[in-house]
């Protein structure tokens, strides 16, 4: 039984099984690569960014 399942998964007999297997493999690879890339909202800010933001907040007309 286990060998039969192994053959079914690892040695597809027709193109549909190959397509399904390749699609699953592509999703797994995309997931692995996307987890390695930083999300745009988590990018490191350049040095001095916080000071610039504070100056802009202080200069806002609402704060005068």
Protein backbone atom coordinates (compact mmCIF):
# COMPACT_ATOMS: atom_id res chain seq x y z
CA UNK A 1 0.00 0.00 0.00
CA UNK A 2 2.70 2.50 0.98
CA UNK A 3 4.79 1.61 -2.08
CA UNK A 4 1.75 2.07 -4.31
CA UNK A 5 1.18 5.55 -2.82
CA UNK A 6 4.88 6.39 -3.29
CA UNK A 7 4.70 5.39 -6.96
CA UNK A 8 1.52 7.43 -7.43
CA UNK A 9 3.09 10.57 -5.94
CA UNK A 10 6.66 10.30 -7.20
CA UNK A 11 6.11 8.69 -10.59
CA UNK A 12 3.01 10.27 -12.16
CA UNK A 13 1.61 8.28 -15.06
CA UNK A 14 -0.15 11.05 -16.94
CA UNK A 15 0.19 14.74 -17.64
CA UNK A 16 -2.53 15.78 -15.20
CA UNK A 17 -0.61 14.30 -12.28
CA UNK A 18 2.56 16.01 -13.50
CA UNK A 19 0.71 19.32 -13.73
CA UNK A 20 -0.68 18.97 -10.20
CA UNK A 21 2.70 17.98 -8.81
CA UNK A 22 4.49 20.87 -10.55
CA UNK A 23 1.84 23.35 -9.40
CA UNK A 24 2.21 22.26 -5.78
CA UNK A 25 6.00 22.43 -6.05
CA UNK A 26 5.77 25.94 -7.54
CA UNK A 27 3.58 27.15 -4.66
CA UNK A 28 6.00 25.68 -2.13
CA UNK A 29 8.97 27.39 -3.81
CA UNK A 30 7.13 30.72 -4.04
CA UNK A 31 6.29 30.49 -0.35
CA UNK A 32 9.89 29.74 0.58
CA UNK A 33 11.29 32.63 -1.47
CA UNK A 34 8.64 35.12 -0.33
CA UNK A 35 9.39 34.34 3.31
CA UNK A 36 13.04 35.30 2.71
CA UNK A 37 12.20 38.75 1.31
CA UNK A 38 11.45 41.56 3.78
CA UNK A 39 7.97 43.05 3.68
CA UNK A 40 7.97 46.67 2.44
CA UNK A 41 6.51 47.96 5.71
CA UNK A 42 9.36 46.35 7.65
CA UNK A 43 12.19 47.93 5.66
CA UNK A 44 14.92 49.50 7.77
CA UNK A 45 14.66 53.29 7.79
CA UNK A 46 17.68 55.39 6.79
CA UNK A 47 19.73 57.01 9.56
CA UNK A 48 18.17 60.21 10.87
CA UNK A 49 14.68 59.36 9.65
CA UNK A 50 13.13 59.68 13.12
CA UNK A 51 14.63 63.15 13.62
CA UNK A 52 13.21 64.34 10.29
CA UNK A 53 9.76 63.05 11.21
CA UNK A 54 9.91 64.78 14.60
CA UNK A 55 10.91 68.10 12.98
CA UNK A 56 8.02 67.83 10.53
CA UNK A 57 5.58 67.11 13.37
CA UNK A 58 6.85 70.10 15.38
CA UNK A 59 6.55 72.41 12.36
CA UNK A 60 2.94 71.41 11.68
CA UNK A 61 0.49 74.34 12.08
CA UNK A 62 -1.67 72.33 14.47
CA UNK A 63 1.22 72.23 16.97
CA UNK A 64 1.75 76.02 17.05
